[in-house]
């Protein structure tokens, strides 16, 4: 009995602890935590990182072109009649066997000495490919950070819009109570009550839409973070104004200096130049050193004849070889010309990239300034709209103002708040886009 009570107490404690843990409020998600999550889970970033590994394999593969190549062959030949082992007549003559079976082992060691710069240029091109893959990783990281920041501020924007819609509903509910009280004592007609009810219904519809917009923004953010689409979470409110410290010229200088796309463009030019050297190597001879050893017998173990006769052939050679391409109908010349054109194209692409970055920084900087000005304007508009609503509500209580005046005042206040939070969100998004255009990860 005591044991049952003890076990029951333990189960009760575990369940109670689980209930308390389940009721514990979830910690709001910060922007820094969101960026960390997406960096750990993004498949796009994972593919870019794996691409670096693949490029590193290609670089190591290019190193093998400098090293000797060792090959071996073992063959069996069945002749229709007994034959000689060895294909040349030496001072000792040739060895004839009574067997028509011939076994041969051959091994060759090949070492390139000069390839006209082909191997060196191939290695340098592969090494540049590794650097290009690394820059792709950096570009991907910056794109992901921008997506997280924009998604984060989109959620905050939707939350503010929902709060404005909820406040508008409360204002119209208060207005309906006042109007209903006035109607009950015969001060206002039934039409005013109906109008207040319609305005309240419209405000509730806007509230539902704002709630749906917030749910959609959170769903998109969950997908970006590779979580279940309906995972509930809250975010820390960082929707605030902080002046941007740099001028346009300073922002552009940082963009041209820090953006990984600029480094990628230069690497593309360097790689194209190495490809010209690869094609040009066809104009030069190749020089190599070859060592060969061959052994033949009429017995598969290559140890001698079947009848204990030394039917065996051994030989080795060392050969230096220079190979010239005397005429290939201009194939090498055309390849060099093609790759020179690609160098010019890569240089033009870099120039176009500079123009594109300049325009991007300019556009983002102007958007930042526009949102900054709108913040100041809409902030003052909220104060004026709040005072206007307060005055119209007081006047309506004394029947100096109409219900239409109050409705307009509530609508103007909601619009002013919406414009303010919209401008604040636009400023933070424009700032994130500008910092991405400057090549920054996250300030």
Protein backbone atom coordinates (compact mmCIF):
# COMPACT_ATOMS: atom_id res chain seq x y z
CA UNK A 1 0.00 0.00 0.00
CA UNK A 2 2.80 2.37 0.93
CA UNK A 3 4.60 1.49 -2.28
CA UNK A 4 1.50 2.35 -4.33
CA UNK A 5 1.17 5.68 -2.55
CA UNK A 6 4.84 6.43 -3.17
CA UNK A 7 4.57 5.60 -6.88
CA UNK A 8 1.40 7.67 -7.13
CA UNK A 9 3.14 10.63 -5.51
CA UNK A 10 6.05 10.36 -8.00
CA UNK A 11 3.65 10.26 -10.97
CA UNK A 12 1.74 13.24 -9.62
CA UNK A 13 4.99 15.20 -9.21
CA UNK A 14 6.07 14.38 -12.77
CA UNK A 15 2.72 15.38 -14.24
CA UNK A 16 2.64 18.59 -12.18
CA UNK A 17 6.15 19.47 -13.29
CA UNK A 18 5.18 18.81 -16.92
CA UNK A 19 2.13 21.07 -16.59
CA UNK A 20 4.23 23.84 -15.07
CA UNK A 21 6.85 23.42 -17.81
CA UNK A 22 4.17 23.48 -20.51
CA UNK A 23 2.67 26.65 -19.07
CA UNK A 24 6.03 28.39 -18.98
CA UNK A 25 5.95 31.20 -21.57
CA UNK A 26 8.09 30.69 -24.62
CA UNK A 27 11.10 32.97 -24.88
CA UNK A 28 10.73 35.49 -27.73
CA UNK A 29 12.92 34.87 -30.74
CA UNK A 30 15.60 37.51 -31.33
CA UNK A 31 16.94 38.55 -34.71
CA UNK A 32 20.39 37.20 -33.86
CA UNK A 33 18.93 33.81 -32.90
CA UNK A 34 16.94 33.73 -36.13
CA UNK A 35 20.06 34.37 -38.19
CA UNK A 36 21.90 31.63 -36.32
CA UNK A 37 19.10 29.13 -36.96
CA UNK A 38 18.95 29.84 -40.68
CA UNK A 39 22.74 29.55 -40.97
CA UNK A 40 22.58 26.11 -39.38
CA UNK A 41 19.63 24.79 -41.37
CA UNK A 42 19.67 26.45 -44.79
CA UNK A 43 20.03 23.95 -47.62
CA UNK A 44 21.17 26.73 -49.95
CA UNK A 45 24.09 27.51 -47.66
CA UNK A 46 24.82 23.81 -47.19
CA UNK A 47 25.05 23.35 -50.96
CA UNK A 48 27.41 26.32 -51.22
CA UNK A 49 29.64 24.94 -48.45
CA UNK A 50 29.71 21.51 -50.09
CA UNK A 51 30.65 23.29 -53.33
CA UNK A 52 33.85 24.47 -51.65
CA UNK A 53 34.68 20.87 -50.84
CA UNK A 54 34.09 19.88 -54.47
CA UNK A 55 36.34 22.68 -55.70
CA UNK A 56 39.03 21.56 -53.29
CA UNK A 57 38.87 18.07 -54.80
CA UNK A 58 39.35 19.58 -58.27
CA UNK A 59 42.38 21.50 -57.01
CA UNK A 60 43.92 18.33 -55.60
CA UNK A 61 43.14 16.54 -58.83
CA UNK A 62 45.11 19.20 -60.71
CA UNK A 63 48.14 18.52 -58.48
CA UNK A 64 48.26 14.92 -59.71
CA UNK A 65 49.14 16.17 -63.21
CA UNK A 66 52.60 17.07 -61.90
CA UNK A 67 53.24 13.59 -60.49
CA UNK A 68 54.42 10.44 -62.29
CA UNK A 69 51.87 8.01 -63.67
CA UNK A 70 52.48 4.30 -63.03
CA UNK A 71 50.59 1.70 -65.06
CA UNK A 72 50.78 -2.08 -65.29
CA UNK A 73 49.50 -4.74 -67.69
CA UNK A 74 49.25 -8.51 -67.51
CA UNK A 75 48.17 -10.37 -70.62
CA UNK A 76 47.63 -13.89 -71.90
CA UNK A 77 47.94 -14.78 -75.59
CA UNK A 78 46.97 -18.07 -77.24
CA UNK A 79 48.83 -18.70 -80.53
CA UNK A 80 47.86 -21.25 -83.17
CA UNK A 81 51.42 -22.64 -83.15
CA UNK A 82 54.48 -22.51 -80.89
CA UNK A 83 56.11 -19.12 -81.06
CA UNK A 84 59.12 -17.16 -79.96
CA UNK A 85 59.09 -15.20 -76.73
CA UNK A 86 60.47 -11.80 -77.46
CA UNK A 87 59.89 -9.77 -80.59
CA UNK A 88 63.48 -8.82 -81.31
CA UNK A 89 66.62 -10.83 -82.04
CA UNK A 90 69.38 -9.93 -79.60
CA UNK A 91 72.98 -11.11 -79.19
CA UNK A 92 71.70 -14.08 -77.26
CA UNK A 93 69.03 -14.81 -79.82
CA UNK A 94 65.35 -15.41 -79.16
CA UNK A 95 63.77 -18.00 -76.94
CA UNK A 96 61.48 -20.48 -78.63
CA UNK A 97 58.89 -22.46 -76.71
CA UNK A 98 57.00 -25.57 -77.60
CA UNK A 99 53.93 -24.06 -76.05
CA UNK A 100 51.56 -21.75 -77.86
CA UNK A 101 50.57 -19.98 -74.62
CA UNK A 102 52.38 -16.73 -73.84
CA UNK A 103 52.01 -14.69 -70.64
CA UNK A 104 53.27 -11.14 -70.45
CA UNK A 105 53.69 -8.54 -67.70
CA UNK A 106 54.41 -4.92 -68.60
CA UNK A 107 54.75 -1.86 -66.33
CA UNK A 108 55.40 1.77 -67.30
CA UNK A 109 56.31 4.86 -65.30
CA UNK A 110 55.50 8.15 -67.03
CA UNK A 111 56.71 11.52 -65.74
CA UNK A 112 55.83 14.77 -67.56
CA UNK A 113 58.71 17.23 -67.54
CA UNK A 114 57.35 20.12 -69.60
CA UNK A 115 53.79 20.65 -70.88
CA UNK A 116 53.99 24.19 -72.17
CA UNK A 117 52.48 25.53 -68.95
CA UNK A 118 49.36 23.35 -69.22
CA UNK A 119 49.64 21.67 -65.83
CA UNK A 120 50.58 24.85 -63.97
CA UNK A 121 47.77 26.89 -65.53
CA UNK A 122 45.29 24.08 -64.85
CA UNK A 123 46.28 24.02 -61.20
CA UNK A 124 46.01 27.81 -60.87
CA UNK A 125 42.58 27.74 -62.50
CA UNK A 126 41.42 25.05 -60.08
CA UNK A 127 42.80 27.03 -57.14
CA UNK A 128 40.86 30.09 -58.29
CA UNK A 129 37.82 27.82 -58.46
CA UNK A 130 38.20 27.13 -54.73
CA UNK A 131 38.27 30.87 -54.03
CA UNK A 132 35.19 31.34 -56.21
CA UNK A 133 33.32 28.69 -54.22
CA UNK A 134 34.27 30.42 -50.97
CA UNK A 135 32.96 33.73 -52.28
CA UNK A 136 29.73 31.97 -53.24
CA UNK A 137 29.39 30.91 -49.60
CA UNK A 138 29.89 34.50 -48.45
CA UNK A 139 27.33 35.79 -50.95
CA UNK A 140 24.82 33.16 -49.85
CA UNK A 141 25.30 34.07 -46.19
CA UNK A 142 24.62 37.75 -46.88
CA UNK A 143 21.52 36.93 -48.91
CA UNK A 144 20.19 34.73 -46.10
CA UNK A 145 20.82 37.43 -43.48
CA UNK A 146 18.88 39.91 -45.61
CA UNK A 147 15.98 37.48 -45.98
CA UNK A 148 15.86 36.93 -42.22
CA UNK A 149 15.98 40.65 -41.46
CA UNK A 150 13.25 41.48 -43.97
CA UNK A 151 11.09 38.61 -42.71
CA UNK A 152 11.65 39.66 -39.10
CA UNK A 153 10.63 43.27 -39.75
CA UNK A 154 7.66 42.08 -41.80
CA UNK A 155 6.40 40.23 -38.73
CA UNK A 156 6.87 43.31 -36.54
CA UNK A 157 5.06 45.42 -39.13
CA UNK A 158 2.15 42.97 -39.18
CA UNK A 159 2.02 42.95 -35.37
CA UNK A 160 1.85 46.75 -35.27
CA UNK A 161 -0.88 46.81 -37.91
CA UNK A 162 -2.83 44.25 -35.89
CA UNK A 163 -2.45 46.37 -32.77
CA UNK A 164 -3.76 49.40 -34.69
CA UNK A 165 -6.74 47.37 -35.92
CA UNK A 166 -7.49 46.14 -32.40
CA UNK A 167 -7.34 49.69 -31.05
CA UNK A 168 -9.69 50.84 -33.80
CA UNK A 169 -12.15 48.13 -32.79
CA UNK A 170 -11.98 49.34 -29.17
CA UNK A 171 -12.58 52.93 -30.25
CA UNK A 172 -15.66 51.97 -32.27
CA UNK A 173 -16.94 49.78 -29.42
CA UNK A 174 -16.68 52.77 -27.09
CA UNK A 175 -18.40 54.94 -29.66
CA UNK A 176 -21.22 52.40 -30.02
CA UNK A 177 -21.76 52.41 -26.23
CA UNK A 178 -22.04 56.19 -26.16
CA UNK A 179 -24.36 56.25 -29.17
CA UNK A 180 -26.56 53.51 -27.71
CA UNK A 181 -26.80 55.44 -24.43
CA UNK A 182 -27.81 58.60 -26.28
CA UNK A 183 -30.41 56.66 -28.27
CA UNK A 184 -31.86 55.11 -25.13
CA UNK A 185 -32.61 58.58 -23.73
CA UNK A 186 -33.84 59.86 -27.10
CA UNK A 187 -30.97 62.21 -27.87
CA UNK A 188 -29.89 60.61 -31.19
CA UNK A 189 -31.89 58.69 -33.79
CA UNK A 190 -31.70 54.96 -34.45
CA UNK A 191 -29.71 55.69 -37.60
CA UNK A 192 -26.69 56.76 -35.49
CA UNK A 193 -26.73 53.42 -33.67
CA UNK A 194 -26.86 51.52 -36.94
CA UNK A 195 -23.99 53.57 -38.31
CA UNK A 196 -21.89 52.85 -35.22
CA UNK A 197 -22.61 49.13 -35.56
CA UNK A 198 -21.58 49.14 -39.23
CA UNK A 199 -18.33 50.93 -38.43
CA UNK A 200 -17.59 48.43 -35.68
CA UNK A 201 -18.24 45.51 -38.04
CA UNK A 202 -15.92 46.98 -40.67
CA UNK A 203 -13.21 47.50 -38.05
CA UNK A 204 -13.52 43.87 -36.95
CA UNK A 205 -13.09 42.75 -40.57
CA UNK A 206 -9.90 44.78 -40.80
CA UNK A 207 -8.74 43.19 -37.55
CA UNK A 208 -9.29 39.69 -38.98
CA UNK A 209 -7.33 40.60 -42.11
CA UNK A 210 -4.48 42.02 -40.02
CA UNK A 211 -4.39 38.81 -37.94
CA UNK A 212 -4.25 36.71 -41.12
CA UNK A 213 -1.41 38.86 -42.49
CA UNK A 214 0.52 38.28 -39.27
CA UNK A 215 -0.08 34.52 -39.46
CA UNK A 216 1.13 34.48 -43.07
CA UNK A 217 4.29 36.44 -42.19
CA UNK A 218 5.09 33.99 -39.39
CA UNK A 219 4.46 31.00 -41.64
CA UNK A 220 6.88 32.36 -44.23
CA UNK A 221 9.44 32.98 -41.50
CA UNK A 222 9.06 29.41 -40.23
CA UNK A 223 9.70 28.11 -43.74
CA UNK A 224 12.78 30.32 -44.04
CA UNK A 225 14.06 28.86 -40.74
CA UNK A 226 13.11 25.36 -41.97
CA UNK A 227 10.65 24.73 -39.15
CA UNK A 228 7.12 23.37 -39.19
CA UNK A 229 4.97 26.02 -40.85
CA UNK A 230 2.59 26.39 -37.88
CA UNK A 231 5.27 26.55 -35.17
CA UNK A 232 4.14 29.27 -32.72
CA UNK A 233 6.66 31.91 -31.72
CA UNK A 234 7.00 35.53 -30.71
CA UNK A 235 9.68 38.01 -31.73
CA UNK A 236 11.43 40.76 -29.83
CA UNK A 237 10.19 44.20 -30.80
CA UNK A 238 13.20 46.01 -32.30
CA UNK A 239 11.15 48.20 -34.65
CA UNK A 240 12.83 51.50 -33.88
CA UNK A 241 14.51 54.40 -35.61
CA UNK A 242 18.27 54.80 -35.47
CA UNK A 243 19.93 57.23 -37.84
CA UNK A 244 22.24 55.74 -40.47
CA UNK A 245 25.74 57.13 -39.88
CA UNK A 246 27.24 56.95 -43.40
CA UNK A 247 26.84 59.17 -46.45
CA UNK A 248 26.09 57.80 -49.90
CA UNK A 249 29.73 58.13 -50.97
CA UNK A 250 30.94 56.27 -47.89
CA UNK A 251 28.33 53.56 -48.42
CA UNK A 252 29.38 53.13 -52.05
CA UNK A 253 33.07 52.91 -51.11
CA UNK A 254 32.32 50.13 -48.62
CA UNK A 255 30.16 48.31 -51.17
CA UNK A 256 32.93 48.27 -53.80
CA UNK A 257 35.42 47.17 -51.17
CA UNK A 258 33.45 44.58 -49.19
CA UNK A 259 30.97 42.95 -51.55
CA UNK A 260 31.90 39.35 -52.34
CA UNK A 261 30.46 39.82 -55.82
CA UNK A 262 33.33 42.21 -56.59
CA UNK A 263 35.86 39.61 -55.50
CA UNK A 264 34.04 37.00 -57.56
CA UNK A 265 34.20 39.21 -60.66
CA UNK A 266 37.97 39.65 -60.29
CA UNK A 267 38.45 35.93 -59.72
CA UNK A 268 36.48 35.22 -62.90
CA UNK A 269 38.87 37.48 -64.80
CA UNK A 270 41.90 35.72 -63.30
CA UNK A 271 40.48 32.30 -64.12
CA UNK A 272 39.75 33.34 -67.70
CA UNK A 273 43.39 34.44 -68.07
CA UNK A 274 44.57 31.06 -66.81
CA UNK A 275 42.33 29.38 -69.38
CA UNK A 276 44.13 31.41 -72.08
CA UNK A 277 47.41 29.93 -70.83
CA UNK A 278 45.89 26.45 -70.93
CA UNK A 279 44.89 26.92 -74.55
CA UNK A 280 48.24 28.51 -75.43
CA UNK A 281 50.13 25.48 -74.12
CA UNK A 282 49.24 23.74 -77.37
CA UNK A 283 51.84 25.87 -79.17
CA UNK A 284 54.66 24.29 -77.15
CA UNK A 285 56.10 20.77 -77.26
CA UNK A 286 55.59 18.34 -74.40
CA UNK A 287 58.63 16.65 -72.90
CA UNK A 288 58.30 13.51 -70.81
CA UNK A 289 60.39 10.74 -69.32
CA UNK A 290 59.24 7.12 -69.59
CA UNK A 291 60.55 3.98 -67.92
CA UNK A 292 59.31 0.53 -68.95
CA UNK A 293 59.86 -3.06 -67.82
CA UNK A 294 58.50 -6.11 -69.66
CA UNK A 295 58.59 -9.82 -68.81
CA UNK A 296 57.22 -12.72 -70.93
CA UNK A 297 56.99 -16.49 -70.45
CA UNK A 298 55.02 -19.53 -71.50
CA UNK A 299 54.00 -20.08 -67.86
CA UNK A 300 51.51 -17.89 -65.99
CA UNK A 301 53.85 -17.34 -63.03
CA UNK A 302 56.41 -15.77 -65.42
CA UNK A 303 59.13 -17.88 -63.79
CA UNK A 304 60.32 -19.91 -66.81
CA UNK A 305 59.23 -22.66 -69.18
CA UNK A 306 56.85 -25.46 -68.30
CA UNK A 307 59.56 -28.10 -68.89
CA UNK A 308 62.01 -26.42 -66.53
CA UNK A 309 63.51 -24.61 -69.47
CA UNK A 310 64.30 -20.91 -69.10
CA UNK A 311 61.79 -19.82 -71.68
CA UNK A 312 61.72 -16.26 -70.40
CA UNK A 313 62.14 -12.77 -71.79
CA UNK A 314 63.10 -9.73 -69.66
CA UNK A 315 63.76 -6.22 -70.82
CA UNK A 316 63.58 -2.63 -69.64
CA UNK A 317 64.01 0.78 -71.18
CA UNK A 318 64.23 4.47 -70.28
CA UNK A 319 63.01 6.94 -72.85
CA UNK A 320 62.96 10.72 -73.10
CA UNK A 321 60.23 11.89 -75.45
CA UNK A 322 59.52 15.29 -76.99
CA UNK A 323 56.19 15.61 -78.82
CA UNK A 324 55.50 18.42 -81.29
CA UNK A 325 52.21 19.33 -82.88
CA UNK A 326 53.28 20.37 -86.38
CA UNK A 327 49.87 21.20 -87.79
CA UNK A 328 46.33 20.97 -86.38
CA UNK A 329 44.51 23.28 -88.79
CA UNK A 330 44.60 26.22 -86.39
CA UNK A 331 42.80 24.41 -83.54
CA UNK A 332 45.12 25.81 -80.86
CA UNK A 333 45.02 29.31 -82.34
CA UNK A 334 41.22 29.33 -82.35
CA UNK A 335 41.07 28.09 -78.74
CA UNK A 336 43.41 30.88 -77.64
CA UNK A 337 41.27 33.44 -79.45
CA UNK A 338 38.10 32.13 -77.86
CA UNK A 339 39.53 32.30 -74.34
CA UNK A 340 40.87 35.82 -74.92
CA UNK A 341 37.33 36.87 -75.78
CA UNK A 342 36.15 35.32 -72.48
CA UNK A 343 38.71 37.46 -70.62
CA UNK A 344 37.25 40.57 -72.25
CA UNK A 345 33.73 39.43 -71.36
CA UNK A 346 34.75 38.86 -67.74
CA UNK A 347 36.26 42.36 -67.57
CA UNK A 348 33.09 43.85 -69.05
CA UNK A 349 31.00 41.93 -66.51
CA UNK A 350 33.03 43.45 -63.70
CA UNK A 351 32.46 46.96 -65.09
CA UNK A 352 28.74 46.28 -65.39
CA UNK A 353 28.72 44.93 -61.83
CA UNK A 354 30.25 48.18 -60.55
CA UNK A 355 27.48 50.14 -62.31
CA UNK A 356 24.84 47.79 -60.91
CA UNK A 357 26.19 48.06 -57.36
CA UNK A 358 26.32 51.86 -57.64
CA UNK A 359 22.68 51.97 -58.72
CA UNK A 360 21.64 49.48 -56.03
CA UNK A 361 23.35 51.46 -53.25
CA UNK A 362 21.86 54.71 -54.57
CA UNK A 363 18.34 53.27 -54.72
CA UNK A 364 18.55 51.74 -51.24
CA UNK A 365 20.03 54.93 -49.80
CA UNK A 366 17.20 57.05 -51.28
CA UNK A 367 14.62 54.59 -49.92
CA UNK A 368 16.27 54.96 -46.52
CA UNK A 369 16.06 58.75 -46.66
CA UNK A 370 12.44 58.64 -47.81
CA UNK A 371 11.41 56.34 -44.95
CA UNK A 372 13.38 58.50 -42.51
CA UNK A 373 11.47 61.63 -43.55
CA UNK A 374 8.16 59.78 -43.40
CA UNK A 375 8.87 58.71 -39.83
CA UNK A 376 9.16 62.32 -38.68
CA UNK A 377 6.03 63.36 -40.56
CA UNK A 378 3.83 60.47 -39.45
CA UNK A 379 4.99 60.72 -35.84
CA UNK A 380 3.63 64.26 -35.65
CA UNK A 381 0.49 63.19 -37.48
CA UNK A 382 -0.27 60.65 -34.72
CA UNK A 383 -0.17 63.36 -32.06
CA UNK A 384 -2.48 65.56 -34.12
CA UNK A 385 -4.89 62.67 -34.86
CA UNK A 386 -5.05 61.66 -31.18
CA UNK A 387 -5.92 65.21 -30.18
CA UNK A 388 -8.48 65.45 -32.97
CA UNK A 389 -10.19 62.24 -31.78
CA UNK A 390 -10.22 63.40 -28.18
CA UNK A 391 -11.83 66.73 -29.12
CA UNK A 392 -14.47 65.15 -31.39
CA UNK A 393 -15.41 62.57 -28.77
CA UNK A 394 -15.90 65.36 -26.19
CA UNK A 395 -17.89 67.45 -28.64
CA UNK A 396 -20.08 64.46 -29.52
CA UNK A 397 -20.87 63.90 -25.86
CA UNK A 398 -22.22 67.45 -25.75
CA UNK A 399 -23.85 66.96 -29.17
CA UNK A 400 -21.77 69.72 -30.69
CA UNK A 401 -20.21 67.29 -33.21
CA UNK A 402 -21.84 64.54 -35.23
CA UNK A 403 -21.06 60.86 -35.15
CA UNK A 404 -19.52 61.21 -38.60
CA UNK A 405 -16.95 63.55 -37.12
CA UNK A 406 -16.00 60.92 -34.55
CA UNK A 407 -15.83 58.17 -37.17
CA UNK A 408 -13.57 60.27 -39.34
CA UNK A 409 -11.35 61.04 -36.36
CA UNK A 410 -11.01 57.36 -35.46
CA UNK A 411 -10.21 56.49 -39.07
CA UNK A 412 -7.64 59.28 -39.34
CA UNK A 413 -5.91 58.13 -36.16
CA UNK A 414 -5.77 54.50 -37.36
CA UNK A 415 -4.38 55.66 -40.70
CA UNK A 416 -1.77 57.86 -39.01
CA UNK A 417 -0.59 54.98 -36.82
CA UNK A 418 -0.53 52.63 -39.80
CA UNK A 419 1.52 55.14 -41.79
CA UNK A 420 3.95 55.57 -38.91
CA UNK A 421 4.59 51.88 -38.37
CA UNK A 422 4.77 51.38 -42.12
CA UNK A 423 7.42 54.10 -42.42
CA UNK A 424 9.32 52.66 -39.44
CA UNK A 425 9.26 49.20 -41.01
CA UNK A 426 10.26 50.58 -44.42
CA UNK A 427 13.22 52.35 -42.79
CA UNK A 428 14.52 49.20 -41.14
CA UNK A 429 14.02 47.13 -44.31
CA UNK A 430 15.74 49.78 -46.42
CA UNK A 431 18.58 49.86 -43.92
CA UNK A 432 18.94 46.07 -44.12
CA UNK A 433 18.93 46.21 -47.93
CA UNK A 434 21.48 49.02 -47.96
CA UNK A 435 23.80 47.14 -45.63
CA UNK A 436 23.46 44.06 -47.84
CA UNK A 437 24.29 46.20 -50.87
CA UNK A 438 27.39 47.38 -48.96
CA UNK A 439 28.47 43.78 -48.46
CA UNK A 440 27.91 43.66 -44.71
CA UNK A 441 26.72 40.56 -42.91
CA UNK A 442 25.00 42.10 -39.89
CA UNK A 443 26.06 45.23 -37.96
